[in-house]
PDB file of all heavy atoms in Angstrom:
ATOM      1  N   ALA A   1      58.428 -22.009  51.103  1.00  0.00           N
ATOM      2  CA  ALA A   1      57.190 -22.798  51.029  1.00  0.00           C
ATOM      3  C   ALA A   1      56.925 -23.288  49.610  1.00  0.00           C
ATOM      4  O   ALA A   1      56.526 -24.442  49.398  1.00  0.00           O
ATOM      5  CB  ALA A   1      56.014 -21.961  51.525  1.00  0.00           C
ATOM      6  N   LEU A   2      57.165 -22.427  48.616  1.00  0.00           N
ATOM      7  CA  LEU A   2      56.901 -22.808  47.228  1.00  0.00           C
ATOM      8  C   LEU A   2      57.902 -23.842  46.722  1.00  0.00           C
ATOM      9  O   LEU A   2      57.536 -24.767  45.992  1.00  0.00           O
ATOM     10  CB  LEU A   2      56.917 -21.568  46.336  1.00  0.00           C
ATOM     11  CG  LEU A   2      55.689 -20.658  46.447  1.00  0.00           C
ATOM     12  CD1 LEU A   2      55.924 -19.341  45.724  1.00  0.00           C
ATOM     13  CD2 LEU A   2      54.446 -21.356  45.895  1.00  0.00           C
ATOM     14  N   LYS A   3      59.152 -23.693  47.105  1.00  0.00           N
ATOM     15  CA  LYS A   3      60.145 -24.685  46.683  1.00  0.00           C
ATOM     16  C   LYS A   3      59.827 -26.049  47.301  1.00  0.00           C
ATOM     17  O   LYS A   3      60.004 -27.091  46.657  1.00  0.00           O
ATOM     18  CB  LYS A   3      61.560 -24.214  47.057  1.00  0.00           C
ATOM     19  CG  LYS A   3      62.043 -23.024  46.234  1.00  0.00           C
ATOM     20  CD  LYS A   3      63.440 -22.573  46.629  1.00  0.00           C
ATOM     21  CE  LYS A   3      64.519 -23.434  46.011  1.00  0.00           C
ATOM     22  NZ  LYS A   3      64.724 -23.150  44.579  1.00  0.00           N
ATOM     23  N   LYS A   4      59.327 -26.029  48.527  1.00  0.00           N
ATOM     24  CA  LYS A   4      58.985 -27.280  49.190  1.00  0.00           C
ATOM     25  C   LYS A   4      57.743 -27.919  48.569  1.00  0.00           C
ATOM     26  O   LYS A   4      57.692 -29.139  48.350  1.00  0.00           O
ATOM     27  CB  LYS A   4      58.755 -27.029  50.679  1.00  0.00           C
ATOM     28  CG  LYS A   4      58.414 -28.283  51.472  1.00  0.00           C
ATOM     29  CD  LYS A   4      58.228 -27.966  52.960  1.00  0.00           C
ATOM     30  CE  LYS A   4      57.888 -29.222  53.750  1.00  0.00           C
ATOM     31  NZ  LYS A   4      57.698 -28.927  55.194  1.00  0.00           N
ATOM     32  N   SER A   5      56.723 -27.106  48.267  1.00  0.00           N
ATOM     33  CA  SER A   5      55.457 -27.664  47.774  1.00  0.00           C
ATOM     34  C   SER A   5      55.526 -28.065  46.302  1.00  0.00           C
ATOM     35  O   SER A   5      54.768 -28.938  45.861  1.00  0.00           O
ATOM     36  CB  SER A   5      54.312 -26.660  47.972  1.00  0.00           C
ATOM     37  OG  SER A   5      54.447 -25.532  47.127  1.00  0.00           O
ATOM     38  N   THR A   6      56.426 -27.426  45.525  1.00  0.00           N
ATOM     39  CA  THR A   6      56.461 -27.683  44.082  1.00  0.00           C
ATOM     40  C   THR A   6      57.700 -28.439  43.615  1.00  0.00           C
ATOM     41  O   THR A   6      57.655 -29.128  42.593  1.00  0.00           O
ATOM     42  CB  THR A   6      56.392 -26.367  43.295  1.00  0.00           C
ATOM     43  OG1 THR A   6      57.611 -25.608  43.498  1.00  0.00           O
ATOM     44  CG2 THR A   6      55.201 -25.534  43.721  1.00  0.00           C
ATOM     45  N   GLY A   7      58.817 -28.304  44.328  1.00  0.00           N
ATOM     46  CA  GLY A   7      60.071 -28.897  43.873  1.00  0.00           C
ATOM     47  C   GLY A   7      60.613 -28.230  42.624  1.00  0.00           C
ATOM     48  O   GLY A   7      61.498 -28.776  41.943  1.00  0.00           O
ATOM     49  N   LEU A   8      60.131 -27.014  42.312  1.00  0.00           N
ATOM     50  CA  LEU A   8      60.539 -26.300  41.100  1.00  0.00           C
ATOM     51  C   LEU A   8      61.387 -25.081  41.431  1.00  0.00           C
ATOM     52  O   LEU A   8      61.355 -24.581  42.557  1.00  0.00           O
ATOM     53  CB  LEU A   8      59.290 -25.840  40.330  1.00  0.00           C
ATOM     54  CG  LEU A   8      58.372 -26.918  39.763  1.00  0.00           C
ATOM     55  CD1 LEU A   8      57.131 -26.270  39.138  1.00  0.00           C
ATOM     56  CD2 LEU A   8      59.114 -27.763  38.725  1.00  0.00           C
ATOM     57  N   PRO A   9      62.126 -24.566  40.446  1.00  0.00           N
ATOM     58  CA  PRO A   9      62.814 -23.284  40.640  1.00  0.00           C
ATOM     59  C   PRO A   9      61.796 -22.183  40.931  1.00  0.00           C
ATOM     60  O   PRO A   9      60.667 -22.222  40.417  1.00  0.00           O
ATOM     61  CB  PRO A   9      63.511 -23.038  39.300  1.00  0.00           C
ATOM     62  CG  PRO A   9      63.590 -24.372  38.647  1.00  0.00           C
ATOM     63  CD  PRO A   9      62.387 -25.143  39.113  1.00  0.00           C
ATOM     64  N   VAL A  10      62.198 -21.225  41.732  1.00  0.00           N
ATOM     65  CA  VAL A  10      61.312 -20.114  42.085  1.00  0.00           C
ATOM     66  C   VAL A  10      61.995 -18.794  41.746  1.00  0.00           C
ATOM     67  O   VAL A  10      63.126 -18.543  42.166  1.00  0.00           O
ATOM     68  CB  VAL A  10      60.937 -20.142  43.587  1.00  0.00           C
ATOM     69  CG1 VAL A  10      60.143 -18.891  43.971  1.00  0.00           C
ATOM     70  CG2 VAL A  10      60.128 -21.398  43.902  1.00  0.00           C
ATOM     71  N   TRP A  11      61.310 -17.983  40.964  1.00  0.00           N
ATOM     72  CA  TRP A  11      61.773 -16.633  40.636  1.00  0.00           C
ATOM     73  C   TRP A  11      60.928 -15.647  41.429  1.00  0.00           C
ATOM     74  O   TRP A  11      59.848 -15.979  41.910  1.00  0.00           O
ATOM     75  CB  TRP A  11      61.586 -16.327  39.147  1.00  0.00           C
ATOM     76  CG  TRP A  11      62.423 -17.137  38.210  1.00  0.00           C
ATOM     77  CD1 TRP A  11      63.192 -18.235  38.483  1.00  0.00           C
ATOM     78  CD2 TRP A  11      62.562 -16.902  36.801  1.00  0.00           C
ATOM     79  NE1 TRP A  11      63.793 -18.693  37.349  1.00  0.00           N
ATOM     80  CE2 TRP A  11      63.429 -17.893  36.294  1.00  0.00           C
ATOM     81  CE3 TRP A  11      62.043 -15.963  35.918  1.00  0.00           C
ATOM     82  CZ2 TRP A  11      63.790 -17.964  34.957  1.00  0.00           C
ATOM     83  CZ3 TRP A  11      62.401 -16.026  34.579  1.00  0.00           C
ATOM     84  CH2 TRP A  11      63.267 -17.008  34.108  1.00  0.00           C
ATOM     85  N   ILE A  12      61.421 -14.437  41.564  1.00  0.00           N
ATOM     86  CA  ILE A  12      60.606 -13.416  42.222  1.00  0.00           C
ATOM     87  C   ILE A  12      60.711 -12.109  41.441  1.00  0.00           C
ATOM     88  O   ILE A  12      61.786 -11.720  40.971  1.00  0.00           O
ATOM     89  CB  ILE A  12      60.985 -13.223  43.711  1.00  0.00           C
ATOM     90  CG1 ILE A  12      60.067 -12.188  44.375  1.00  0.00           C
ATOM     91  CG2 ILE A  12      62.434 -12.868  43.882  1.00  0.00           C
ATOM     92  CD1 ILE A  12      60.142 -12.179  45.899  1.00  0.00           C
ATOM     93  N   HIS A  13      59.566 -11.476  41.293  1.00  0.00           N
ATOM     94  CA  HIS A  13      59.443 -10.212  40.562  1.00  0.00           C
ATOM     95  C   HIS A  13      58.761  -9.213  41.478  1.00  0.00           C
ATOM     96  O   HIS A  13      57.692  -9.494  42.033  1.00  0.00           O
ATOM     97  CB  HIS A  13      58.599 -10.442  39.301  1.00  0.00           C
ATOM     98  CG  HIS A  13      58.159  -9.179  38.617  1.00  0.00           C
ATOM     99  ND1 HIS A  13      58.823  -8.647  37.544  1.00  0.00           N
ATOM    100  CD2 HIS A  13      57.104  -8.353  38.845  1.00  0.00           C
ATOM    101  CE1 HIS A  13      58.209  -7.557  37.131  1.00  0.00           C
ATOM    102  NE2 HIS A  13      57.161  -7.349  37.914  1.00  0.00           N
ATOM    103  N   THR A  14      59.350  -8.036  41.644  1.00  0.00           N
ATOM    104  CA  THR A  14      58.702  -7.003  42.438  1.00  0.00           C
ATOM    105  C   THR A  14      58.985  -5.643  41.818  1.00  0.00           C
ATOM    106  O   THR A  14      59.684  -5.521  40.811  1.00  0.00           O
ATOM    107  CB  THR A  14      59.159  -7.045  43.910  1.00  0.00           C
ATOM    108  OG1 THR A  14      58.272  -6.233  44.697  1.00  0.00           O
ATOM    109  CG2 THR A  14      60.580  -6.537  44.082  1.00  0.00           C
ATOM    110  N   HIS A  15      58.404  -4.627  42.412  1.00  0.00           N
ATOM    111  CA  HIS A  15      58.635  -3.231  42.038  1.00  0.00           C
ATOM    112  C   HIS A  15      59.103  -2.515  43.291  1.00  0.00           C
ATOM    113  O   HIS A  15      58.727  -2.890  44.406  1.00  0.00           O
ATOM    114  CB  HIS A  15      57.353  -2.591  41.511  1.00  0.00           C
ATOM    115  CG  HIS A  15      56.843  -3.221  40.245  1.00  0.00           C
ATOM    116  ND1 HIS A  15      56.858  -2.578  39.029  1.00  0.00           N
ATOM    117  CD2 HIS A  15      56.310  -4.443  39.997  1.00  0.00           C
ATOM    118  CE1 HIS A  15      56.354  -3.375  38.095  1.00  0.00           C
ATOM    119  NE2 HIS A  15      56.017  -4.516  38.663  1.00  0.00           N
ATOM    120  N   ASP A  16      59.905  -1.476  43.126  1.00  0.00           N
ATOM    121  CA  ASP A  16      60.433  -0.786  44.298  1.00  0.00           C
ATOM    122  C   ASP A  16      59.586   0.418  44.666  1.00  0.00           C
ATOM    123  O   ASP A  16      60.067   1.373  45.282  1.00  0.00           O
ATOM    124  CB  ASP A  16      61.887  -0.355  44.048  1.00  0.00           C
ATOM    125  CG  ASP A  16      62.720  -0.402  45.317  1.00  0.00           C
ATOM    126  OD1 ASP A  16      62.306  -1.059  46.288  1.00  0.00           O
ATOM    127  OD2 ASP A  16      63.785   0.239  45.347  1.00  0.00           O
ATOM    128  N   THR A  17      58.319   0.370  44.324  1.00  0.00           N
ATOM    129  CA  THR A  17      57.387   1.468  44.544  1.00  0.00           C
ATOM    130  C   THR A  17      57.390   1.944  45.994  1.00  0.00           C
ATOM    131  O   THR A  17      57.440   3.143  46.269  1.00  0.00           O
ATOM    132  CB  THR A  17      55.965   1.028  44.163  1.00  0.00           C
ATOM    133  OG1 THR A  17      56.000   0.357  42.908  1.00  0.00           O
ATOM    134  CG2 THR A  17      55.031   2.214  44.077  1.00  0.00           C
ATOM    135  N   ALA A  18      57.317   1.008  46.918  1.00  0.00           N
ATOM    136  CA  ALA A  18      57.240   1.353  48.333  1.00  0.00           C
ATOM    137  C   ALA A  18      58.612   1.398  49.006  1.00  0.00           C
ATOM    138  O   ALA A  18      58.709   1.614  50.214  1.00  0.00           O
ATOM    139  CB  ALA A  18      56.339   0.357  49.063  1.00  0.00           C
ATOM    140  N   GLY A  19      59.676   1.148  48.242  1.00  0.00           N
ATOM    141  CA  GLY A  19      61.023   1.239  48.781  1.00  0.00           C
ATOM    142  C   GLY A  19      61.545  -0.007  49.452  1.00  0.00           C
ATOM    143  O   GLY A  19      62.639   0.007  50.021  1.00  0.00           O
ATOM    144  N   ILE A  20      60.781  -1.126  49.386  1.00  0.00           N
ATOM    145  CA  ILE A  20      61.227  -2.347  50.059  1.00  0.00           C
ATOM    146  C   ILE A  20      61.655  -3.435  49.077  1.00  0.00           C
ATOM    147  O   ILE A  20      62.068  -4.514  49.491  1.00  0.00           O
ATOM    148  CB  ILE A  20      60.137  -2.902  51.005  1.00  0.00           C
ATOM    149  CG1 ILE A  20      58.880  -3.321  50.222  1.00  0.00           C
ATOM    150  CG2 ILE A  20      59.785  -1.889  52.076  1.00  0.00           C
ATOM    151  CD1 ILE A  20      57.837  -4.009  51.091  1.00  0.00           C
ATOM    152  N   GLY A  21      61.571  -3.153  47.772  1.00  0.00           N
ATOM    153  CA  GLY A  21      61.857  -4.177  46.777  1.00  0.00           C
ATOM    154  C   GLY A  21      63.259  -4.754  46.861  1.00  0.00           C
ATOM    155  O   GLY A  21      63.449  -5.971  46.768  1.00  0.00           O
ATOM    156  N   ALA A  22      64.248  -3.893  47.022  1.00  0.00           N
ATOM    157  CA  ALA A  22      65.638  -4.360  47.050  1.00  0.00           C
ATOM    158  C   ALA A  22      65.896  -5.254  48.263  1.00  0.00           C
ATOM    159  O   ALA A  22      66.534  -6.300  48.157  1.00  0.00           O
ATOM    160  CB  ALA A  22      66.595  -3.173  47.042  1.00  0.00           C
ATOM    161  N   SER A  23      65.408  -4.855  49.434  1.00  0.00           N
ATOM    162  CA  SER A  23      65.609  -5.677  50.634  1.00  0.00           C
ATOM    163  C   SER A  23      64.828  -6.984  50.530  1.00  0.00           C
ATOM    164  O   SER A  23      65.272  -8.025  51.024  1.00  0.00           O
ATOM    165  CB  SER A  23      65.201  -4.898  51.891  1.00  0.00           C
ATOM    166  OG  SER A  23      63.879  -4.405  51.786  1.00  0.00           O
ATOM    167  N   THR A  24      63.694  -6.938  49.865  1.00  0.00           N
ATOM    168  CA  THR A  24      62.921  -8.160  49.630  1.00  0.00           C
ATOM    169  C   THR A  24      63.716  -9.127  48.768  1.00  0.00           C
ATOM    170  O   THR A  24      63.744 -10.340  49.033  1.00  0.00           O
ATOM    171  CB  THR A  24      61.584  -7.809  48.953  1.00  0.00           C
ATOM    172  OG1 THR A  24      60.758  -7.137  49.911  1.00  0.00           O
ATOM    173  CG2 THR A  24      60.867  -9.054  48.448  1.00  0.00           C
ATOM    174  N   TYR A  25      64.383  -8.621  47.743  1.00  0.00           N
ATOM    175  CA  TYR A  25      65.209  -9.467  46.880  1.00  0.00           C
ATOM    176  C   TYR A  25      66.359 -10.107  47.660  1.00  0.00           C
ATOM    177  O   TYR A  25      66.677 -11.289  47.475  1.00  0.00           O
ATOM    178  CB  TYR A  25      65.772  -8.656  45.723  1.00  0.00           C
ATOM    179  CG  TYR A  25      64.853  -8.517  44.527  1.00  0.00           C
ATOM    180  CD1 TYR A  25      65.187  -7.640  43.498  1.00  0.00           C
ATOM    181  CD2 TYR A  25      63.678  -9.248  44.407  1.00  0.00           C
ATOM    182  CE1 TYR A  25      64.373  -7.495  42.377  1.00  0.00           C
ATOM    183  CE2 TYR A  25      62.861  -9.116  43.305  1.00  0.00           C
ATOM    184  CZ  TYR A  25      63.208  -8.235  42.284  1.00  0.00           C
ATOM    185  OH  TYR A  25      62.412  -8.104  41.183  1.00  0.00           O
ATOM    186  N   VAL A  26      66.999  -9.335  48.521  1.00  0.00           N
ATOM    187  CA  VAL A  26      68.105  -9.880  49.323  1.00  0.00           C
ATOM    188  C   VAL A  26      67.611 -11.059  50.157  1.00  0.00           C
ATOM    189  O   VAL A  26      68.232 -12.133  50.182  1.00  0.00           O
ATOM    190  CB  VAL A  26      68.715  -8.794  50.228  1.00  0.00           C
ATOM    191  CG1 VAL A  26      69.716  -9.411  51.213  1.00  0.00           C
ATOM    192  CG2 VAL A  26      69.401  -7.720  49.389  1.00  0.00           C
ATOM    193  N   ALA A  27      66.478 -10.868  50.825  1.00  0.00           N
ATOM    194  CA  ALA A  27      65.930 -11.934  51.666  1.00  0.00           C
ATOM    195  C   ALA A  27      65.520 -13.140  50.826  1.00  0.00           C
ATOM    196  O   ALA A  27      65.755 -14.293  51.214  1.00  0.00           O
ATOM    197  CB  ALA A  27      64.730 -11.405  52.451  1.00  0.00           C
ATOM    198  N   ALA A  28      64.918 -12.888  49.670  1.00  0.00           N
ATOM    199  CA  ALA A  28      64.451 -13.985  48.818  1.00  0.00           C
ATOM    200  C   ALA A  28      65.609 -14.803  48.269  1.00  0.00           C
ATOM    201  O   ALA A  28      65.571 -16.044  48.263  1.00  0.00           O
ATOM    202  CB  ALA A  28      63.608 -13.424  47.669  1.00  0.00           C
ATOM    203  N   MET A  29      66.665 -14.129  47.809  1.00  0.00           N
ATOM    204  CA  MET A  29      67.826 -14.858  47.271  1.00  0.00           C
ATOM    205  C   MET A  29      68.519 -15.658  48.356  1.00  0.00           C
ATOM    206  O   MET A  29      68.938 -16.804  48.139  1.00  0.00           O
ATOM    207  CB  MET A  29      68.793 -13.881  46.596  1.00  0.00           C
ATOM    208  CG  MET A  29      68.317 -13.423  45.222  1.00  0.00           C
ATOM    209  SD  MET A  29      69.556 -12.456  44.297  1.00  0.00           S
ATOM    210  CE  MET A  29      69.263 -10.827  44.976  1.00  0.00           C
ATOM    211  N   ASN A  30      68.617 -15.093  49.535  1.00  0.00           N
ATOM    212  CA  ASN A  30      69.249 -15.811  50.639  1.00  0.00           C
ATOM    213  C   ASN A  30      68.394 -16.972  51.139  1.00  0.00           C
ATOM    214  O   ASN A  30      68.897 -17.865  51.833  1.00  0.00           O
ATOM    215  CB  ASN A  30      69.563 -14.849  51.787  1.00  0.00           C
ATOM    216  CG  ASN A  30      70.753 -13.960  51.489  1.00  0.00           C
ATOM    217  OD1 ASN A  30      71.638 -14.336  50.724  1.00  0.00           O
ATOM    218  ND2 ASN A  30      70.770 -12.762  52.054  1.00  0.00           N
ATOM    219  N   ALA A  31      67.115 -16.959  50.767  1.00  0.00           N
ATOM    220  CA  ALA A  31      66.228 -18.081  51.122  1.00  0.00           C
ATOM    221  C   ALA A  31      66.186 -19.134  50.026  1.00  0.00           C
ATOM    222  O   ALA A  31      65.513 -20.153  50.179  1.00  0.00           O
ATOM    223  CB  ALA A  31      64.819 -17.562  51.397  1.00  0.00           C
TER     224      ALA A  31
END
């Protein structure tokens, strides 16, 4: 959604506090 609305590069920053950060990164990079 952000790449479509902005036309800009998108980075993502998270913490693995709840144990889902790594899987979130996999999904984000593949998107």
